[in-house]
Structure formats: C-alpha cells, structure tokens
Amino acid sequence: MPLLVLQSFVNTWEGDSNVDLLADPVDGPRWLRQVGLADGFEVDLARAREIRECIRALLVHNGAGDPVRPTDLLPLRSLADAADLRTVVRDDGSVDVQTGEGDPAPLGTLLLIIRDAQRDGSWSRLKACRNPDCRWAYYDRSHAGRGAWCDMAVCGNRMKNRNLRSRRSASNAAGTVG
C-alpha cells in the first residue's frame, strides 16, 4: 500500500524519543533508498525533513487540527516544481503519471502517493496523532473515521489524563477564589 510508504516517511521522526532517522547521514539515505524514495539519487536530508513536516501539517489538518497555512505548503510546492512528472500509457492501455528518468526530485513519488490517496478517498484517513508531543502518523481505521490518537492506550490516555488534571486544577482554583 503506497500510503504506508508515506506514513512511514512521516514517522521517520518520533516525538516521544525525539529520534529523527532523516537526521542520520548514513541511515537516512539508506532508508529512503530501501522504500524507493531515492533510487539512485542523492537526497538533501534537510529538504526531506522539511517535506516530511509539510506532510505532517497536512495530516494534522486531516485529524481536525490546525488549518494548513500557505507557508506550510512551500516545501511540497518546491518539490512539485522540481519533480519530473510525465504521463505514460502502459502496455495494458492504462494511463499513469510517474516520475521521469533523471528525476531531480527523488521524493517526487510522495506527490503521486498523495494524489492517488486524495482521489481514492483514503487520504482523509491518514492523520497525525492529536497529542502535540507525538504527532505520529497513523491510518484511522475507525468506522466513522473520527479517530484522534495513534494509540488510544498510550496517547489517548495521556491526553485524557491531561485534560482531567487541567479541569480539576481549574475547578480547585475556582473553589479557592470564591
């Protein structure tokens, strides 16, 4: 499932441990090659991280979070401008868009994954966890598509406990004032 590649790309940064695979000059490019995002090309890891965070902003929005600002989209727009995308007709007669030979934007495949997911309706199910300390990308498999947490047992409970403590604190403060 191509959307899994996109999800894994966003999850190359882990909020809980602050580990960033795309900050590692050896493992980052190796991982990008393994998943087919950098076949035979050098990748600017700083640019890859910008693109990743741009996609994360879109996933936060998918999860009913902050609206996407035009400045959030600049890395993806830059990628689209640099990508060598072309239309092809396959032997079976199907028409496709793919990255061209000599593609100067090896991460251009991400654009195609996003486009396909937006067309088939699966895009709105790929979200970022509402826990601001996490923001892990996950595929919302809930029946109504209203999931909020990457894992209810971890982030869901953390956020519910934070909200409970906040309400109790506010309630106690109100009680001592009056």
C-alpha atoms as a PDB file:
ATOM      1  CA  MET A   1       0.000   0.000   0.000  1.00  0.00           C
ATOM      2  CA  PRO A   2       1.736   3.193  -1.153  1.00  0.00           C
ATOM      3  CA  LEU A   3       0.083   5.223   1.594  1.00  0.00           C
ATOM      4  CA  LEU A   4       2.065   3.120   4.069  1.00  0.00           C
ATOM      5  CA  VAL A   5       5.281   4.461   2.500  1.00  0.00           C
ATOM      6  CA  LEU A   6       4.041   7.999   3.083  1.00  0.00           C
ATOM      7  CA  GLN A   7       3.026   7.148   6.655  1.00  0.00           C
ATOM      8  CA  SER A   8       6.446   5.594   7.299  1.00  0.00           C
ATOM      9  CA  PHE A   9       8.150   8.646   5.783  1.00  0.00           C
ATOM     10  CA  VAL A  10       6.321  10.957   8.214  1.00  0.00           C
ATOM     11  CA  ASN A  11       7.149   8.586  11.068  1.00  0.00           C
ATOM     12  CA  THR A  12      10.900   8.861  10.475  1.00  0.00           C
ATOM     13  CA  TRP A  13      10.718  11.324  13.382  1.00  0.00           C
ATOM     14  CA  GLU A  14       9.447  10.015  16.694  1.00  0.00           C
ATOM     15  CA  GLY A  15       8.202  12.610  19.164  1.00  0.00           C
ATOM     16  CA  ASP A  16       8.491  10.515  22.325  1.00  0.00           C
ATOM     17  CA  SER A  17      12.197   9.814  21.853  1.00  0.00           C
ATOM     18  CA  ASN A  18      12.998  12.730  19.514  1.00  0.00           C
ATOM     19  CA  VAL A  19      14.801  10.274  17.210  1.00  0.00           C
ATOM     20  CA  ASP A  20      14.997  11.515  13.629  1.00  0.00           C
ATOM     21  CA  LEU A  21      16.022   8.947  11.049  1.00  0.00           C
ATOM     22  CA  LEU A  22      16.328  11.655   8.401  1.00  0.00           C
ATOM     23  CA  ALA A  23      18.929  13.444  10.518  1.00  0.00           C
ATOM     24  CA  ASP A  24      21.296  10.467  10.234  1.00  0.00           C
ATOM     25  CA  PRO A  25      23.588  10.910   7.198  1.00  0.00           C
ATOM     26  CA  VAL A  26      24.045   7.142   6.798  1.00  0.00           C
ATOM     27  CA  ASP A  27      20.743   5.578   7.839  1.00  0.00           C
ATOM     28  CA  GLY A  28      18.514   8.323   6.386  1.00  0.00           C
ATOM     29  CA  PRO A  29      19.593   7.892   2.746  1.00  0.00           C
ATOM     30  CA  ARG A  30      19.718   4.112   3.172  1.00  0.00           C
ATOM     31  CA  TRP A  31      16.112   4.046   4.403  1.00  0.00           C
ATOM     32  CA  LEU A  32      14.956   6.360   1.595  1.00  0.00           C
ATOM     33  CA  ARG A  33      16.559   4.018  -0.971  1.00  0.00           C
ATOM     34  CA  GLN A  34      15.038   0.923   0.664  1.00  0.00           C
ATOM     35  CA  VAL A  35      11.496   2.300   0.402  1.00  0.00           C
ATOM     36  CA  GLY A  36      12.006   3.524  -3.164  1.00  0.00           C
ATOM     37  CA  LEU A  37      12.033   7.252  -2.495  1.00  0.00           C
ATOM     38  CA  ALA A  38      15.641   7.865  -3.536  1.00  0.00           C
ATOM     39  CA  ASP A  39      16.519   5.233  -6.123  1.00  0.00           C
ATOM     40  CA  GLY A  40      19.979   6.174  -7.351  1.00  0.00           C
ATOM     41  CA  PHE A  41      19.758   9.813  -6.277  1.00  0.00           C
ATOM     42  CA  GLU A  42      21.364  11.890  -3.588  1.00  0.00           C
ATOM     43  CA  VAL A  43      18.810  13.340  -1.211  1.00  0.00           C
ATOM     44  CA  ASP A  44      19.185  16.580   0.697  1.00  0.00           C
ATOM     45  CA  LEU A  45      18.162  15.362   4.145  1.00  0.00           C
ATOM     46  CA  ALA A  46      17.328  18.868   5.388  1.00  0.00           C
ATOM     47  CA  ARG A  47      14.930  19.254   2.457  1.00  0.00           C
ATOM     48  CA  ALA A  48      13.494  15.785   3.115  1.00  0.00           C
ATOM     49  CA  ARG A  49      12.781  16.815   6.724  1.00  0.00           C
ATOM     50  CA  GLU A  50      11.029  19.999   5.511  1.00  0.00           C
ATOM     51  CA  ILE A  51       8.878  17.947   3.144  1.00  0.00           C
ATOM     52  CA  ARG A  52       8.117  15.480   5.944  1.00  0.00           C
ATOM     53  CA  GLU A  53       6.942  18.255   8.270  1.00  0.00           C
ATOM     54  CA  CYS A  54       4.867  19.779   5.479  1.00  0.00           C
ATOM     55  CA  ILE A  55       3.105  16.450   5.039  1.00  0.00           C
ATOM     56  CA  ARG A  56       2.716  16.154   8.825  1.00  0.00           C
ATOM     57  CA  ALA A  57       0.948  19.562   8.813  1.00  0.00           C
ATOM     58  CA  LEU A  58      -1.473  18.160   6.224  1.00  0.00           C
ATOM     59  CA  LEU A  59      -2.069  15.107   8.424  1.00  0.00           C
ATOM     60  CA  VAL A  60      -2.679  17.290  11.486  1.00  0.00           C
ATOM     61  CA  HIS A  61      -5.311  19.062   9.396  1.00  0.00           C
ATOM     62  CA  ASN A  62      -6.804  15.678   8.375  1.00  0.00           C
ATOM     63  CA  GLY A  63      -7.217  14.939  12.069  1.00  0.00           C
ATOM     64  CA  ALA A  64      -9.317  18.111  12.569  1.00  0.00           C
ATOM     65  CA  GLY A  65      -6.309  20.045  13.745  1.00  0.00           C
ATOM     66  CA  ASP A  66      -4.913  23.390  12.699  1.00  0.00           C
ATOM     67  CA  PRO A  67      -5.749  24.590   9.206  1.00  0.00           C
ATOM     68  CA  VAL A  68      -2.935  24.338   6.671  1.00  0.00           C
ATOM     69  CA  ARG A  69      -1.315  27.701   6.001  1.00  0.00           C
ATOM     70  CA  PRO A  70       0.079  28.547   2.557  1.00  0.00           C
ATOM     71  CA  THR A  71       3.572  28.742   4.070  1.00  0.00           C
ATOM     72  CA  ASP A  72       3.170  25.160   5.329  1.00  0.00           C
ATOM     73  CA  LEU A  73       2.898  24.041   1.703  1.00  0.00           C
ATOM     74  CA  LEU A  74       6.086  25.678   0.413  1.00  0.00           C
ATOM     75  CA  PRO A  75       8.262  22.522   0.665  1.00  0.00           C
ATOM     76  CA  LEU A  76       5.689  20.441  -1.235  1.00  0.00           C
ATOM     77  CA  ARG A  77       5.270  23.146  -3.850  1.00  0.00           C
ATOM     78  CA  SER A  78       9.039  23.281  -4.279  1.00  0.00           C
ATOM     79  CA  LEU A  79       9.106  19.508  -4.670  1.00  0.00           C
ATOM     80  CA  ALA A  80       6.332  19.657  -7.274  1.00  0.00           C
ATOM     81  CA  ASP A  81       8.218  22.325  -9.217  1.00  0.00           C
ATOM     82  CA  ALA A  82      11.399  20.202  -9.235  1.00  0.00           C
ATOM     83  CA  ALA A  83       9.785  16.825  -9.931  1.00  0.00           C
ATOM     84  CA  ASP A  84       9.989  15.459 -13.441  1.00  0.00           C
ATOM     85  CA  LEU A  85       6.483  14.038 -13.729  1.00  0.00           C
ATOM     86  CA  ARG A  86       5.280  12.627 -17.003  1.00  0.00           C
ATOM     87  CA  THR A  87       2.238  10.875 -18.379  1.00  0.00           C
ATOM     88  CA  VAL A  88       2.720   7.349 -19.726  1.00  0.00           C
ATOM     89  CA  VAL A  89       0.476   4.826 -21.441  1.00  0.00           C
ATOM     90  CA  ARG A  90       1.210   1.306 -20.238  1.00  0.00           C
ATOM     91  CA  ASP A  91       1.046  -1.870 -22.334  1.00  0.00           C
ATOM     92  CA  ASP A  92      -2.353  -2.716 -20.844  1.00  0.00           C
ATOM     93  CA  GLY A  93      -3.739   0.649 -22.011  1.00  0.00           C
ATOM     94  CA  SER A  94      -3.826   2.243 -18.562  1.00  0.00           C
ATOM     95  CA  VAL A  95      -2.650   5.836 -18.273  1.00  0.00           C
ATOM     96  CA  ASP A  96      -0.402   6.780 -15.393  1.00  0.00           C
ATOM     97  CA  VAL A  97       1.716   9.650 -14.119  1.00  0.00           C
ATOM     98  CA  GLN A  98       5.154   8.749 -12.894  1.00  0.00           C
ATOM     99  CA  THR A  99       8.446  10.351 -12.086  1.00  0.00           C
ATOM    100  CA  GLY A 100      10.572  10.651 -15.196  1.00  0.00           C
ATOM    101  CA  GLU A 101      14.042   9.388 -15.956  1.00  0.00           C
ATOM    102  CA  GLY A 102      16.692  11.555 -14.363  1.00  0.00           C
ATOM    103  CA  ASP A 103      14.185  12.888 -11.844  1.00  0.00           C
ATOM    104  CA  PRO A 104      15.898  15.732  -9.943  1.00  0.00           C
ATOM    105  CA  ALA A 105      13.350  15.302  -7.138  1.00  0.00           C
ATOM    106  CA  PRO A 106      13.642  11.722  -5.909  1.00  0.00           C
ATOM    107  CA  LEU A 107      10.968  12.360  -3.282  1.00  0.00           C
ATOM    108  CA  GLY A 108       8.533  13.250  -6.089  1.00  0.00           C
ATOM    109  CA  THR A 109       6.908   9.847  -5.651  1.00  0.00           C
ATOM    110  CA  LEU A 110       5.373  11.220  -2.463  1.00  0.00           C
ATOM    111  CA  LEU A 111       3.340  13.659  -4.557  1.00  0.00           C
ATOM    112  CA  LEU A 112       1.906  10.801  -6.585  1.00  0.00           C
ATOM    113  CA  ILE A 113       1.032   8.860  -3.438  1.00  0.00           C
ATOM    114  CA  ILE A 114      -0.786  11.881  -2.003  1.00  0.00           C
ATOM    115  CA  ARG A 115      -2.622  12.497  -5.286  1.00  0.00           C
ATOM    116  CA  ASP A 116      -3.752   8.876  -5.544  1.00  0.00           C
ATOM    117  CA  ALA A 117      -4.884   8.776  -1.911  1.00  0.00           C
ATOM    118  CA  GLN A 118      -6.841  12.009  -2.338  1.00  0.00           C
ATOM    119  CA  ARG A 119      -8.573  10.539  -5.379  1.00  0.00           C
ATOM    120  CA  ASP A 120      -9.433   7.172  -3.844  1.00  0.00           C
ATOM    121  CA  GLY A 121     -10.647   8.700  -0.551  1.00  0.00           C
ATOM    122  CA  SER A 122      -8.007   7.128   1.700  1.00  0.00           C
ATOM    123  CA  TRP A 123      -6.172  10.444   2.220  1.00  0.00           C
ATOM    124  CA  SER A 124      -8.620  11.741   4.833  1.00  0.00           C
ATOM    125  CA  ARG A 125      -7.958   8.607   6.916  1.00  0.00           C
ATOM    126  CA  LEU A 126      -4.219   9.288   7.193  1.00  0.00           C
ATOM    127  CA  LYS A 127      -3.845  11.566  10.197  1.00  0.00           C
ATOM    128  CA  ALA A 128      -1.365  12.823  12.747  1.00  0.00           C
ATOM    129  CA  CYS A 129      -1.977  11.995  16.388  1.00  0.00           C
ATOM    130  CA  ARG A 130      -3.682  14.857  18.239  1.00  0.00           C
ATOM    131  CA  ASN A 131      -1.178  14.548  21.071  1.00  0.00           C
ATOM    132  CA  PRO A 132       1.119  17.531  20.323  1.00  0.00           C
ATOM    133  CA  ASP A 133       4.054  15.655  21.896  1.00  0.00           C
ATOM    134  CA  CYS A 134       3.556  12.749  19.494  1.00  0.00           C
ATOM    135  CA  ARG A 135       2.154  13.743  16.078  1.00  0.00           C
ATOM    136  CA  TRP A 136       2.770  10.149  14.880  1.00  0.00           C
ATOM    137  CA  ALA A 137       1.127   9.441  11.520  1.00  0.00           C
ATOM    138  CA  TYR A 138      -1.495   6.701  11.622  1.00  0.00           C
ATOM    139  CA  TYR A 139      -4.232   5.337   9.405  1.00  0.00           C
ATOM    140  CA  ASP A 140      -7.625   5.862  11.033  1.00  0.00           C
ATOM    141  CA  ARG A 141      -9.453   2.550  10.741  1.00  0.00           C
ATOM    142  CA  SER A 142     -12.379   3.601  12.940  1.00  0.00           C
ATOM    143  CA  HIS A 143     -15.805   3.051  11.429  1.00  0.00           C
ATOM    144  CA  ALA A 144     -16.726   6.739  11.385  1.00  0.00           C
ATOM    145  CA  GLY A 145     -13.221   7.967  10.530  1.00  0.00           C
ATOM    146  CA  ARG A 146     -13.113  10.103  13.650  1.00  0.00           C
ATOM    147  CA  GLY A 147     -10.056   8.638  15.367  1.00  0.00           C
ATOM    148  CA  ALA A 148      -7.851  11.124  17.189  1.00  0.00           C
ATOM    149  CA  TRP A 149      -4.923   9.186  18.615  1.00  0.00           C
ATOM    150  CA  CYS A 150      -2.240   6.973  17.140  1.00  0.00           C
ATOM    151  CA  ASP A 151      -2.861   4.614  20.052  1.00  0.00           C
ATOM    152  CA  MET A 152      -5.727   5.031  22.495  1.00  0.00           C
ATOM    153  CA  ALA A 153      -3.880   3.101  25.208  1.00  0.00           C
ATOM    154  CA  VAL A 154      -0.912   5.476  25.070  1.00  0.00           C
ATOM    155  CA  CYS A 155      -1.648   8.905  23.599  1.00  0.00           C
ATOM    156  CA  GLY A 156      -5.404   8.766  24.128  1.00  0.00           C
ATOM    157  CA  ASN A 157      -4.975   8.042  27.825  1.00  0.00           C
ATOM    158  CA  ARG A 158      -2.220  10.643  28.189  1.00  0.00           C
ATOM    159  CA  MET A 159      -4.390  13.347  26.667  1.00  0.00           C
ATOM    160  CA  LYS A 160      -7.494  12.345  28.608  1.00  0.00           C
ATOM    161  CA  ASN A 161      -5.477  12.411  31.853  1.00  0.00           C
ATOM    162  CA  ARG A 162      -4.001  15.831  30.978  1.00  0.00           C
ATOM    163  CA  ASN A 163      -7.468  17.189  30.289  1.00  0.00           C
ATOM    164  CA  LEU A 164      -8.808  15.717  33.553  1.00  0.00           C
ATOM    165  CA  ARG A 165      -5.946  17.230  35.571  1.00  0.00           C
ATOM    166  CA  SER A 166      -6.494  20.571  33.852  1.00  0.00           C
ATOM    167  CA  ARG A 167     -10.226  20.551  34.645  1.00  0.00           C
ATOM    168  CA  ARG A 168      -9.563  19.572  38.277  1.00  0.00           C
ATOM    169  CA  SER A 169      -6.923  22.264  38.613  1.00  0.00           C
ATOM    170  CA  ALA A 170      -9.301  24.879  37.195  1.00  0.00           C
ATOM    171  CA  SER A 171     -12.090  23.621  39.446  1.00  0.00           C
ATOM    172  CA  ASN A 172      -9.847  23.762  42.537  1.00  0.00           C
ATOM    173  CA  ALA A 173      -8.647  27.242  41.628  1.00  0.00           C
ATOM    174  CA  ALA A 174     -12.246  28.408  41.200  1.00  0.00           C
ATOM    175  CA  GLY A 175     -13.172  26.878  44.553  1.00  0.00           C
ATOM    176  CA  THR A 176     -10.385  28.665  46.453  1.00  0.00           C
ATOM    177  CA  VAL A 177     -11.114  32.046  44.867  1.00  0.00           C
ATOM    178  CA  GLY A 178     -14.808  32.106  45.747  1.00  0.00           C
END
